[in-house]
Amino acid sequence: MRDGARATIDAREGETLASAMARDATTRSAAPTMSIDRGPDAHVLIPDEFLARLPALDALEMDKLEDVAVGAGANSRLASQVTLTKEVDGLVAAIAKSYPENPM
């Protein structure tokens, strides 16, 4: 899924983007299990118009993001920290680089 291809996935309100990606056959491999404790996750890039609708990045999420993300920037988030709500219905997120098999 990191080749620029788009996938539309069904998600349940209140679940995380990582959970929705892990349930979907076309995006499952893009949300690898980062660790037994954390489960599936991915470094994703959120467009500005949707980023403004999400809670601010907190220190704990930033710490986790720095552990797994390659080149994290202002639009970077962990898919496990993006809760899907009506406010972000229609979200288009790009899957960014993560460190391979990070033990975090």
PDB file of N, CA and C in Angstrom:
ATOM      1  N   MET A   1       0.810  -1.200   0.000  1.00  0.00           N
ATOM      2  CA  MET A   1       0.000   0.000   0.000  1.00  0.00           C
ATOM      3  C   MET A   1       0.852   1.263   0.000  1.00  0.00           C
ATOM      4  N   ARG A   2       2.137   1.157   0.056  1.00  0.00           N
ATOM      5  CA  ARG A   2       2.970   2.362   0.087  1.00  0.00           C
ATOM      6  C   ARG A   2       3.356   2.817  -1.313  1.00  0.00           C
ATOM      7  N   ASP A   3       2.638   2.359  -2.328  1.00  0.00           N
ATOM      8  CA  ASP A   3       2.979   2.694  -3.701  1.00  0.00           C
ATOM      9  C   ASP A   3       2.125   3.809  -4.274  1.00  0.00           C
ATOM     10  N   GLY A   4       1.384   4.514  -3.445  1.00  0.00           N
ATOM     11  CA  GLY A   4       0.526   5.593  -3.902  1.00  0.00           C
ATOM     12  C   GLY A   4      -0.882   5.149  -4.255  1.00  0.00           C
ATOM     13  N   ALA A   5      -1.141   3.863  -4.154  1.00  0.00           N
ATOM     14  CA  ALA A   5      -2.480   3.348  -4.442  1.00  0.00           C
ATOM     15  C   ALA A   5      -3.436   3.785  -3.338  1.00  0.00           C
ATOM     16  N   ARG A   6      -4.677   4.032  -3.713  1.00  0.00           N
ATOM     17  CA  ARG A   6      -5.696   4.411  -2.732  1.00  0.00           C
ATOM     18  C   ARG A   6      -6.566   3.215  -2.413  1.00  0.00           C
ATOM     19  N   ALA A   7      -6.962   3.156  -1.170  1.00  0.00           N
ATOM     20  CA  ALA A   7      -7.883   2.105  -0.725  1.00  0.00           C
ATOM     21  C   ALA A   7      -8.960   2.757   0.109  1.00  0.00           C
ATOM     22  N   THR A   8     -10.181   2.359  -0.110  1.00  0.00           N
ATOM     23  CA  THR A   8     -11.288   2.838   0.711  1.00  0.00           C
ATOM     24  C   THR A   8     -11.605   1.737   1.701  1.00  0.00           C
ATOM     25  N   ILE A   9     -11.602   2.087   2.982  1.00  0.00           N
ATOM     26  CA  ILE A   9     -11.885   1.075   3.995  1.00  0.00           C
ATOM     27  C   ILE A   9     -13.097   1.486   4.823  1.00  0.00           C
ATOM     28  N   ASP A  10     -13.826   0.487   5.250  1.00  0.00           N
ATOM     29  CA  ASP A  10     -14.954   0.728   6.140  1.00  0.00           C
ATOM     30  C   ASP A  10     -14.426   0.786   7.559  1.00  0.00           C
ATOM     31  N   ALA A  11     -14.879   1.775   8.277  1.00  0.00           N
ATOM     32  CA  ALA A  11     -14.437   1.934   9.658  1.00  0.00           C
ATOM     33  C   ALA A  11     -15.645   2.191  10.537  1.00  0.00           C
ATOM     34  N   ARG A  12     -15.484   1.828  11.782  1.00  0.00           N
ATOM     35  CA  ARG A  12     -16.539   2.058  12.767  1.00  0.00           C
ATOM     36  C   ARG A  12     -16.225   3.328  13.547  1.00  0.00           C
ATOM     37  N   GLU A  13     -17.235   4.124  13.772  1.00  0.00           N
ATOM     38  CA  GLU A  13     -17.025   5.333  14.551  1.00  0.00           C
ATOM     39  C   GLU A  13     -16.498   4.948  15.932  1.00  0.00           C
ATOM     40  N   GLY A  14     -15.434   5.620  16.353  1.00  0.00           N
ATOM     41  CA  GLY A  14     -14.840   5.356  17.655  1.00  0.00           C
ATOM     42  C   GLY A  14     -13.646   4.427  17.621  1.00  0.00           C
ATOM     43  N   GLU A  15     -13.435   3.709  16.512  1.00  0.00           N
ATOM     44  CA  GLU A  15     -12.255   2.847  16.442  1.00  0.00           C
ATOM     45  C   GLU A  15     -11.071   3.657  15.936  1.00  0.00           C
ATOM     46  N   THR A  16      -9.883   3.112  16.076  1.00  0.00           N
ATOM     47  CA  THR A  16      -8.702   3.817  15.605  1.00  0.00           C
ATOM     48  C   THR A  16      -8.462   3.504  14.135  1.00  0.00           C
ATOM     49  N   LEU A  17      -7.727   4.377  13.500  1.00  0.00           N
ATOM     50  CA  LEU A  17      -7.355   4.152  12.109  1.00  0.00           C
ATOM     51  C   LEU A  17      -6.548   2.865  11.984  1.00  0.00           C
ATOM     52  N   ALA A  18      -5.676   2.590  12.948  1.00  0.00           N
ATOM     53  CA  ALA A  18      -4.876   1.358  12.919  1.00  0.00           C
ATOM     54  C   ALA A  18      -5.769   0.119  12.955  1.00  0.00           C
ATOM     55  N   SER A  19      -6.792   0.126  13.787  1.00  0.00           N
ATOM     56  CA  SER A  19      -7.710  -1.020  13.872  1.00  0.00           C
ATOM     57  C   SER A  19      -8.451  -1.219  12.561  1.00  0.00           C
ATOM     58  N   ALA A  20      -8.921  -0.130  11.976  1.00  0.00           N
ATOM     59  CA  ALA A  20      -9.637  -0.222  10.702  1.00  0.00           C
ATOM     60  C   ALA A  20      -8.719  -0.751   9.610  1.00  0.00           C
ATOM     61  N   MET A  21      -7.476  -0.278   9.595  1.00  0.00           N
ATOM     62  CA  MET A  21      -6.511  -0.754   8.602  1.00  0.00           C
ATOM     63  C   MET A  21      -6.194  -2.231   8.798  1.00  0.00           C
ATOM     64  N   ALA A  22      -6.073  -2.664  10.039  1.00  0.00           N
ATOM     65  CA  ALA A  22      -5.737  -4.059  10.338  1.00  0.00           C
ATOM     66  C   ALA A  22      -6.872  -5.013   9.957  1.00  0.00           C
ATOM     67  N   ARG A  23      -8.116  -4.530   9.991  1.00  0.00           N
ATOM     68  CA  ARG A  23      -9.262  -5.374   9.621  1.00  0.00           C
ATOM     69  C   ARG A  23      -9.442  -5.486   8.115  1.00  0.00           C
ATOM     70  N   ASP A  24      -8.944  -4.517   7.381  1.00  0.00           N
ATOM     71  CA  ASP A  24      -9.149  -4.459   5.940  1.00  0.00           C
ATOM     72  C   ASP A  24      -8.054  -5.227   5.202  1.00  0.00           C
ATOM     73  N   ALA A  25      -8.450  -6.130   4.315  1.00  0.00           N
ATOM     74  CA  ALA A  25      -7.486  -6.984   3.613  1.00  0.00           C
ATOM     75  C   ALA A  25      -6.500  -6.182   2.762  1.00  0.00           C
ATOM     76  N   THR A  26      -6.932  -5.062   2.183  1.00  0.00           N
ATOM     77  CA  THR A  26      -6.035  -4.309   1.307  1.00  0.00           C
ATOM     78  C   THR A  26      -5.035  -3.443   2.060  1.00  0.00           C
ATOM     79  N   THR A  27      -5.336  -3.096   3.300  1.00  0.00           N
ATOM     80  CA  THR A  27      -4.428  -2.231   4.064  1.00  0.00           C
ATOM     81  C   THR A  27      -3.779  -2.928   5.252  1.00  0.00           C
ATOM     82  N   ARG A  28      -4.133  -4.173   5.477  1.00  0.00           N
ATOM     83  CA  ARG A  28      -3.624  -4.906   6.655  1.00  0.00           C
ATOM     84  C   ARG A  28      -2.105  -4.892   6.735  1.00  0.00           C
ATOM     85  N   SER A  29      -1.429  -5.106   5.623  1.00  0.00           N
ATOM     86  CA  SER A  29       0.039  -5.169   5.654  1.00  0.00           C
ATOM     87  C   SER A  29       0.665  -3.800   5.895  1.00  0.00           C
ATOM     88  N   ALA A  30      -0.101  -2.730   5.705  1.00  0.00           N
ATOM     89  CA  ALA A  30       0.419  -1.381   5.936  1.00  0.00           C
ATOM     90  C   ALA A  30       0.387  -0.998   7.407  1.00  0.00           C
ATOM     91  N   ALA A  31      -0.312  -1.779   8.216  1.00  0.00           N
ATOM     92  CA  ALA A  31      -0.383  -1.521   9.661  1.00  0.00           C
ATOM     93  C   ALA A  31       0.199  -2.726  10.388  1.00  0.00           C
ATOM     94  N   PRO A  32       1.516  -2.927  10.268  1.00  0.00           N
ATOM     95  CA  PRO A  32       2.118  -4.094  10.908  1.00  0.00           C
ATOM     96  C   PRO A  32       2.031  -4.007  12.421  1.00  0.00           C
ATOM     97  N   THR A  33       2.137  -5.133  13.072  1.00  0.00           N
ATOM     98  CA  THR A  33       2.160  -5.157  14.523  1.00  0.00           C
ATOM     99  C   THR A  33       3.523  -4.644  14.968  1.00  0.00           C
ATOM    100  N   MET A  34       3.513  -3.530  15.685  1.00  0.00           N
ATOM    101  CA  MET A  34       4.764  -2.920  16.132  1.00  0.00           C
ATOM    102  C   MET A  34       5.340  -3.662  17.331  1.00  0.00           C
ATOM    103  N   SER A  35       4.463  -4.182  18.179  1.00  0.00           N
ATOM    104  CA  SER A  35       4.902  -4.958  19.328  1.00  0.00           C
ATOM    105  C   SER A  35       3.691  -5.650  19.927  1.00  0.00           C
ATOM    106  N   ILE A  36       3.922  -6.585  20.810  1.00  0.00           N
ATOM    107  CA  ILE A  36       2.825  -7.284  21.474  1.00  0.00           C
ATOM    108  C   ILE A  36       1.986  -6.298  22.282  1.00  0.00           C
ATOM    109  N   ASP A  37       2.642  -5.338  22.926  1.00  0.00           N
ATOM    110  CA  ASP A  37       1.932  -4.356  23.749  1.00  0.00           C
ATOM    111  C   ASP A  37       1.100  -3.381  22.924  1.00  0.00           C
ATOM    112  N   ARG A  38       1.620  -2.972  21.796  1.00  0.00           N
ATOM    113  CA  ARG A  38       0.963  -1.905  21.039  1.00  0.00           C
ATOM    114  C   ARG A  38       0.048  -2.409  19.941  1.00  0.00           C
ATOM    115  N   GLY A  39       0.246  -3.615  19.460  1.00  0.00           N
ATOM    116  CA  GLY A  39      -0.604  -4.125  18.396  1.00  0.00           C
ATOM    117  C   GLY A  39      -0.312  -3.456  17.070  1.00  0.00           C
ATOM    118  N   PRO A  40      -1.287  -3.483  16.138  1.00  0.00           N
ATOM    119  CA  PRO A  40      -1.042  -2.909  14.809  1.00  0.00           C
ATOM    120  C   PRO A  40      -0.923  -1.395  14.881  1.00  0.00           C
ATOM    121  N   ASP A  41      -0.044  -0.864  14.045  1.00  0.00           N
ATOM    122  CA  ASP A  41       0.141   0.580  14.007  1.00  0.00           C
ATOM    123  C   ASP A  41       0.832   0.959  12.712  1.00  0.00           C
ATOM    124  N   ALA A  42       0.821   2.222  12.389  1.00  0.00           N
ATOM    125  CA  ALA A  42       1.508   2.729  11.209  1.00  0.00           C
ATOM    126  C   ALA A  42       1.739   4.219  11.390  1.00  0.00           C
ATOM    127  N   HIS A  43       2.811   4.698  10.792  1.00  0.00           N
ATOM    128  CA  HIS A  43       3.096   6.130  10.729  1.00  0.00           C
ATOM    129  C   HIS A  43       2.288   6.649   9.538  1.00  0.00           C
ATOM    130  N   VAL A  44       1.363   7.566   9.794  1.00  0.00           N
ATOM    131  CA  VAL A  44       0.527   8.114   8.728  1.00  0.00           C
ATOM    132  C   VAL A  44       0.676   9.627   8.663  1.00  0.00           C
ATOM    133  N   LEU A  45       0.430  10.161   7.481  1.00  0.00           N
ATOM    134  CA  LEU A  45       0.442  11.603   7.272  1.00  0.00           C
ATOM    135  C   LEU A  45      -0.992  12.058   7.062  1.00  0.00           C
ATOM    136  N   ILE A  46      -1.403  13.040   7.856  1.00  0.00           N
ATOM    137  CA  ILE A  46      -2.780  13.529   7.847  1.00  0.00           C
ATOM    138  C   ILE A  46      -2.802  14.900   7.164  1.00  0.00           C
ATOM    139  N   PRO A  47      -3.675  15.083   6.162  1.00  0.00           N
ATOM    140  CA  PRO A  47      -3.773  16.397   5.515  1.00  0.00           C
ATOM    141  C   PRO A  47      -4.204  17.482   6.505  1.00  0.00           C
ATOM    142  N   ASP A  48      -3.765  18.700   6.249  1.00  0.00           N
ATOM    143  CA  ASP A  48      -4.042  19.828   7.149  1.00  0.00           C
ATOM    144  C   ASP A  48      -5.522  19.960   7.505  1.00  0.00           C
ATOM    145  N   GLU A  49      -6.418  19.812   6.513  1.00  0.00           N
ATOM    146  CA  GLU A  49      -7.840  20.031   6.795  1.00  0.00           C
ATOM    147  C   GLU A  49      -8.397  19.024   7.792  1.00  0.00           C
ATOM    148  N   PHE A  50      -7.815  17.831   7.854  1.00  0.00           N
ATOM    149  CA  PHE A  50      -8.247  16.835   8.835  1.00  0.00           C
ATOM    150  C   PHE A  50      -7.447  16.957  10.129  1.00  0.00           C
ATOM    151  N   LEU A  51      -6.188  17.343  10.018  1.00  0.00           N
ATOM    152  CA  LEU A  51      -5.337  17.496  11.201  1.00  0.00           C
ATOM    153  C   LEU A  51      -5.948  18.495  12.181  1.00  0.00           C
ATOM    154  N   ALA A  52      -6.555  19.540  11.648  1.00  0.00           N
ATOM    155  CA  ALA A  52      -7.171  20.566  12.489  1.00  0.00           C
ATOM    156  C   ALA A  52      -8.367  20.019  13.273  1.00  0.00           C
ATOM    157  N   ARG A  53      -8.924  18.894  12.846  1.00  0.00           N
ATOM    158  CA  ARG A  53     -10.092  18.297  13.510  1.00  0.00           C
ATOM    159  C   ARG A  53      -9.709  17.244  14.552  1.00  0.00           C
ATOM    160  N   LEU A  54      -8.420  16.963  14.659  1.00  0.00           N
ATOM    161  CA  LEU A  54      -7.931  15.957  15.608  1.00  0.00           C
ATOM    162  C   LEU A  54      -7.393  16.645  16.861  1.00  0.00           C
ATOM    163  N   PRO A  55      -7.381  15.929  17.986  1.00  0.00           N
ATOM    164  CA  PRO A  55      -6.763  16.501  19.195  1.00  0.00           C
ATOM    165  C   PRO A  55      -5.278  16.768  18.946  1.00  0.00           C
ATOM    166  N   ALA A  56      -4.743  17.718  19.648  1.00  0.00           N
ATOM    167  CA  ALA A  56      -3.323  18.045  19.517  1.00  0.00           C
ATOM    168  C   ALA A  56      -2.466  16.842  19.894  1.00  0.00           C
ATOM    169  N   LEU A  57      -1.316  16.763  19.281  1.00  0.00           N
ATOM    170  CA  LEU A  57      -0.347  15.707  19.569  1.00  0.00           C
ATOM    171  C   LEU A  57       0.168  15.920  20.992  1.00  0.00           C
ATOM    172  N   ASP A  58       0.044  14.894  21.851  1.00  0.00           N
ATOM    173  CA  ASP A  58       0.545  15.045  23.220  1.00  0.00           C
ATOM    174  C   ASP A  58       1.955  14.462  23.329  1.00  0.00           C
ATOM    175  N   ALA A  59       2.589  14.673  24.456  1.00  0.00           N
ATOM    176  CA  ALA A  59       3.984  14.263  24.652  1.00  0.00           C
ATOM    177  C   ALA A  59       4.168  12.758  24.518  1.00  0.00           C
ATOM    178  N   LEU A  60       3.223  11.962  25.044  1.00  0.00           N
ATOM    179  CA  LEU A  60       3.340  10.507  24.953  1.00  0.00           C
ATOM    180  C   LEU A  60       3.249  10.040  23.506  1.00  0.00           C
ATOM    181  N   GLU A  61       2.302  10.586  22.750  1.00  0.00           N
ATOM    182  CA  GLU A  61       2.179  10.201  21.343  1.00  0.00           C
ATOM    183  C   GLU A  61       3.424  10.623  20.569  1.00  0.00           C
ATOM    184  N   MET A  62       3.948  11.815  20.845  1.00  0.00           N
ATOM    185  CA  MET A  62       5.148  12.292  20.171  1.00  0.00           C
ATOM    186  C   MET A  62       6.321  11.361  20.453  1.00  0.00           C
ATOM    187  N   ASP A  63       6.445  10.897  21.688  1.00  0.00           N
ATOM    188  CA  ASP A  63       7.508   9.974  22.057  1.00  0.00           C
ATOM    189  C   ASP A  63       7.377   8.664  21.286  1.00  0.00           C
ATOM    190  N   LYS A  64       6.159   8.121  21.228  1.00  0.00           N
ATOM    191  CA  LYS A  64       5.924   6.879  20.475  1.00  0.00           C
ATOM    192  C   LYS A  64       6.203   7.083  18.992  1.00  0.00           C
ATOM    193  N   LEU A  65       5.777   8.212  18.458  1.00  0.00           N
ATOM    194  CA  LEU A  65       5.977   8.518  17.046  1.00  0.00           C
ATOM    195  C   LEU A  65       7.461   8.583  16.710  1.00  0.00           C
ATOM    196  N   GLU A  66       8.232   9.228  17.554  1.00  0.00           N
ATOM    197  CA  GLU A  66       9.676   9.325  17.327  1.00  0.00           C
ATOM    198  C   GLU A  66      10.355   7.965  17.366  1.00  0.00           C
ATOM    199  N   ASP A  67       9.775   7.008  18.117  1.00  0.00           N
ATOM    200  CA  ASP A  67      10.348   5.666  18.195  1.00  0.00           C
ATOM    201  C   ASP A  67      10.181   4.876  16.904  1.00  0.00           C
ATOM    202  N   VAL A  68       9.119   5.132  16.161  1.00  0.00           N
ATOM    203  CA  VAL A  68       8.817   4.287  15.001  1.00  0.00           C
ATOM    204  C   VAL A  68       8.844   5.003  13.663  1.00  0.00           C
ATOM    205  N   ALA A  69       8.705   6.310  13.638  1.00  0.00           N
ATOM    206  CA  ALA A  69       8.554   7.040  12.380  1.00  0.00           C
ATOM    207  C   ALA A  69       9.887   7.516  11.820  1.00  0.00           C
ATOM    208  N   VAL A  70      10.042   7.355  10.513  1.00  0.00           N
ATOM    209  CA  VAL A  70      11.183   7.901   9.804  1.00  0.00           C
ATOM    210  C   VAL A  70      10.753   9.264   9.264  1.00  0.00           C
ATOM    211  N   GLY A  71      11.469  10.310   9.623  1.00  0.00           N
ATOM    212  CA  GLY A  71      11.165  11.643   9.106  1.00  0.00           C
ATOM    213  C   GLY A  71       9.827  12.207   9.546  1.00  0.00           C
ATOM    214  N   ALA A  72       9.473  12.008  10.810  1.00  0.00           N
ATOM    215  CA  ALA A  72       8.201  12.535  11.312  1.00  0.00           C
ATOM    216  C   ALA A  72       8.165  14.053  11.174  1.00  0.00           C
ATOM    217  N   GLY A  73       6.998  14.559  10.765  1.00  0.00           N
ATOM    218  CA  GLY A  73       6.828  15.994  10.590  1.00  0.00           C
ATOM    219  C   GLY A  73       5.535  16.464  11.229  1.00  0.00           C
ATOM    220  N   ALA A  74       5.147  17.685  10.919  1.00  0.00           N
ATOM    221  CA  ALA A  74       3.970  18.307  11.515  1.00  0.00           C
ATOM    222  C   ALA A  74       2.676  17.536  11.231  1.00  0.00           C
ATOM    223  N   ASN A  75       2.610  16.838  10.113  1.00  0.00           N
ATOM    224  CA  ASN A  75       1.395  16.114   9.744  1.00  0.00           C
ATOM    225  C   ASN A  75       1.467  14.631  10.110  1.00  0.00           C
ATOM    226  N   SER A  76       2.510  14.221  10.804  1.00  0.00           N
ATOM    227  CA  SER A  76       2.691  12.823  11.195  1.00  0.00           C
ATOM    228  C   SER A  76       1.841  12.467  12.398  1.00  0.00           C
ATOM    229  N   ARG A  77       1.280  11.288  12.358  1.00  0.00           N
ATOM    230  CA  ARG A  77       0.540  10.718  13.487  1.00  0.00           C
ATOM    231  C   ARG A  77       0.738   9.215  13.456  1.00  0.00           C
ATOM    232  N   LEU A  78       0.476   8.580  14.580  1.00  0.00           N
ATOM    233  CA  LEU A  78       0.395   7.124  14.616  1.00  0.00           C
ATOM    234  C   LEU A  78      -1.061   6.764  14.347  1.00  0.00           C
ATOM    235  N   ALA A  79      -1.270   5.777  13.491  1.00  0.00           N
ATOM    236  CA  ALA A  79      -2.634   5.369  13.159  1.00  0.00           C
ATOM    237  C   ALA A  79      -3.392   4.922  14.406  1.00  0.00           C
ATOM    238  N   SER A  80      -2.676   4.397  15.392  1.00  0.00           N
ATOM    239  CA  SER A  80      -3.315   3.943  16.634  1.00  0.00           C
ATOM    240  C   SER A  80      -3.820   5.107  17.485  1.00  0.00           C
ATOM    241  N   GLN A  81      -3.377   6.315  17.185  1.00  0.00           N
ATOM    242  CA  GLN A  81      -3.763   7.484  17.955  1.00  0.00           C
ATOM    243  C   GLN A  81      -4.813   8.342  17.245  1.00  0.00           C
ATOM    244  N   VAL A  82      -5.214   7.909  16.056  1.00  0.00           N
ATOM    245  CA  VAL A  82      -6.239   8.633  15.297  1.00  0.00           C
ATOM    246  C   VAL A  82      -7.566   7.912  15.498  1.00  0.00           C
ATOM    247  N   THR A  83      -8.435   8.508  16.297  1.00  0.00           N
ATOM    248  CA  THR A  83      -9.760   7.932  16.529  1.00  0.00           C
ATOM    249  C   THR A  83     -10.697   8.445  15.447  1.00  0.00           C
ATOM    250  N   LEU A  84     -11.390   7.512  14.821  1.00  0.00           N
ATOM    251  CA  LEU A  84     -12.275   7.860  13.710  1.00  0.00           C
ATOM    252  C   LEU A  84     -13.630   8.317  14.235  1.00  0.00           C
ATOM    253  N   THR A  85     -13.973   9.542  13.880  1.00  0.00           N
ATOM    254  CA  THR A  85     -15.217  10.174  14.313  1.00  0.00           C
ATOM    255  C   THR A  85     -15.913  10.777  13.099  1.00  0.00           C
ATOM    256  N   LYS A  86     -17.118  11.275  13.296  1.00  0.00           N
ATOM    257  CA  LYS A  86     -17.835  11.944  12.210  1.00  0.00           C
ATOM    258  C   LYS A  86     -17.054  13.151  11.698  1.00  0.00           C
ATOM    259  N   GLU A  87     -16.302  13.798  12.579  1.00  0.00           N
ATOM    260  CA  GLU A  87     -15.528  14.979  12.183  1.00  0.00           C
ATOM    261  C   GLU A  87     -14.442  14.666  11.164  1.00  0.00           C
ATOM    262  N   VAL A  88     -13.975  13.439  11.145  1.00  0.00           N
ATOM    263  CA  VAL A  88     -12.926  13.075  10.182  1.00  0.00           C
ATOM    264  C   VAL A  88     -13.427  12.074   9.138  1.00  0.00           C
ATOM    265  N   ASP A  89     -14.748  11.982   8.977  1.00  0.00           N
ATOM    266  CA  ASP A  89     -15.307  11.121   7.941  1.00  0.00           C
ATOM    267  C   ASP A  89     -14.762  11.565   6.587  1.00  0.00           C
ATOM    268  N   GLY A  90     -14.304  10.628   5.800  1.00  0.00           N
ATOM    269  CA  GLY A  90     -13.716  10.937   4.499  1.00  0.00           C
ATOM    270  C   GLY A  90     -12.222  11.169   4.549  1.00  0.00           C
ATOM    271  N   LEU A  91     -11.611  10.937   5.701  1.00  0.00           N
ATOM    272  CA  LEU A  91     -10.174  11.122   5.882  1.00  0.00           C
ATOM    273  C   LEU A  91      -9.382  10.354   4.831  1.00  0.00           C
ATOM    274  N   VAL A  92      -8.421  11.029   4.258  1.00  0.00           N
ATOM    275  CA  VAL A  92      -7.461  10.399   3.357  1.00  0.00           C
ATOM    276  C   VAL A  92      -6.107  10.546   4.040  1.00  0.00           C
ATOM    277  N   ALA A  93      -5.508   9.443   4.418  1.00  0.00           N
ATOM    278  CA  ALA A  93      -4.211   9.472   5.098  1.00  0.00           C
ATOM    279  C   ALA A  93      -3.185   8.741   4.248  1.00  0.00           C
ATOM    280  N   ALA A  94      -1.993   9.285   4.198  1.00  0.00           N
ATOM    281  CA  ALA A  94      -0.892   8.634   3.479  1.00  0.00           C
ATOM    282  C   ALA A  94      -0.093   7.804   4.472  1.00  0.00           C
ATOM    283  N   ILE A  95       0.297   6.621   4.053  1.00  0.00           N
ATOM    284  CA  ILE A  95       1.125   5.760   4.897  1.00  0.00           C
ATOM    285  C   ILE A  95       2.577   6.163   4.685  1.00  0.00           C
ATOM    286  N   ALA A  96       3.224   6.575   5.759  1.00  0.00           N
ATOM    287  CA  ALA A  96       4.595   7.061   5.688  1.00  0.00           C
ATOM    288  C   ALA A  96       5.569   5.969   6.119  1.00  0.00           C
ATOM    289  N   LYS A  97       6.837   6.303   6.090  1.00  0.00           N
ATOM    290  CA  LYS A  97       7.863   5.336   6.465  1.00  0.00           C
ATOM    291  C   LYS A  97       7.920   5.123   7.970  1.00  0.00           C
ATOM    292  N   SER A  98       8.150   3.882   8.349  1.00  0.00           N
ATOM    293  CA  SER A  98       8.384   3.511   9.735  1.00  0.00           C
ATOM    294  C   SER A  98       9.654   2.684   9.781  1.00  0.00           C
ATOM    295  N   TYR A  99      10.296   2.672  10.935  1.00  0.00           N
ATOM    296  CA  TYR A  99      11.451   1.810  11.092  1.00  0.00           C
ATOM    297  C   TYR A  99      10.981   0.366  11.040  1.00  0.00           C
ATOM    298  N   PRO A 100      11.666  -0.493  10.316  1.00  0.00           N
ATOM    299  CA  PRO A 100      11.229  -1.897  10.229  1.00  0.00           C
ATOM    300  C   PRO A 100      11.387  -2.634  11.552  1.00  0.00           C
ATOM    301  N   GLU A 101      10.345  -3.376  11.916  1.00  0.00           N
ATOM    302  CA  GLU A 101      10.347  -4.245  13.080  1.00  0.00           C
ATOM    303  C   GLU A 101      10.937  -3.586  14.316  1.00  0.00           C
ATOM    304  N   ASN A 102      10.470  -2.398  14.610  1.00  0.00           N
ATOM    305  CA  ASN A 102      10.920  -1.684  15.793  1.00  0.00           C
ATOM    306  C   ASN A 102      10.398  -2.427  17.023  1.00  0.00           C
ATOM    307  N   PRO A 103      11.237  -2.649  18.020  1.00  0.00           N
ATOM    308  CA  PRO A 103      10.811  -3.402  19.197  1.00  0.00           C
ATOM    309  C   PRO A 103       9.891  -2.642  20.134  1.00  0.00           C
ATOM    310  N   MET A 104       9.546  -1.414  19.847  1.00  0.00           N
ATOM    311  CA  MET A 104       8.696  -0.614  20.739  1.00  0.00           C
ATOM    312  C   MET A 104       7.334  -1.177  20.784  1.00  0.00           C
TER     313      MET A 104
END
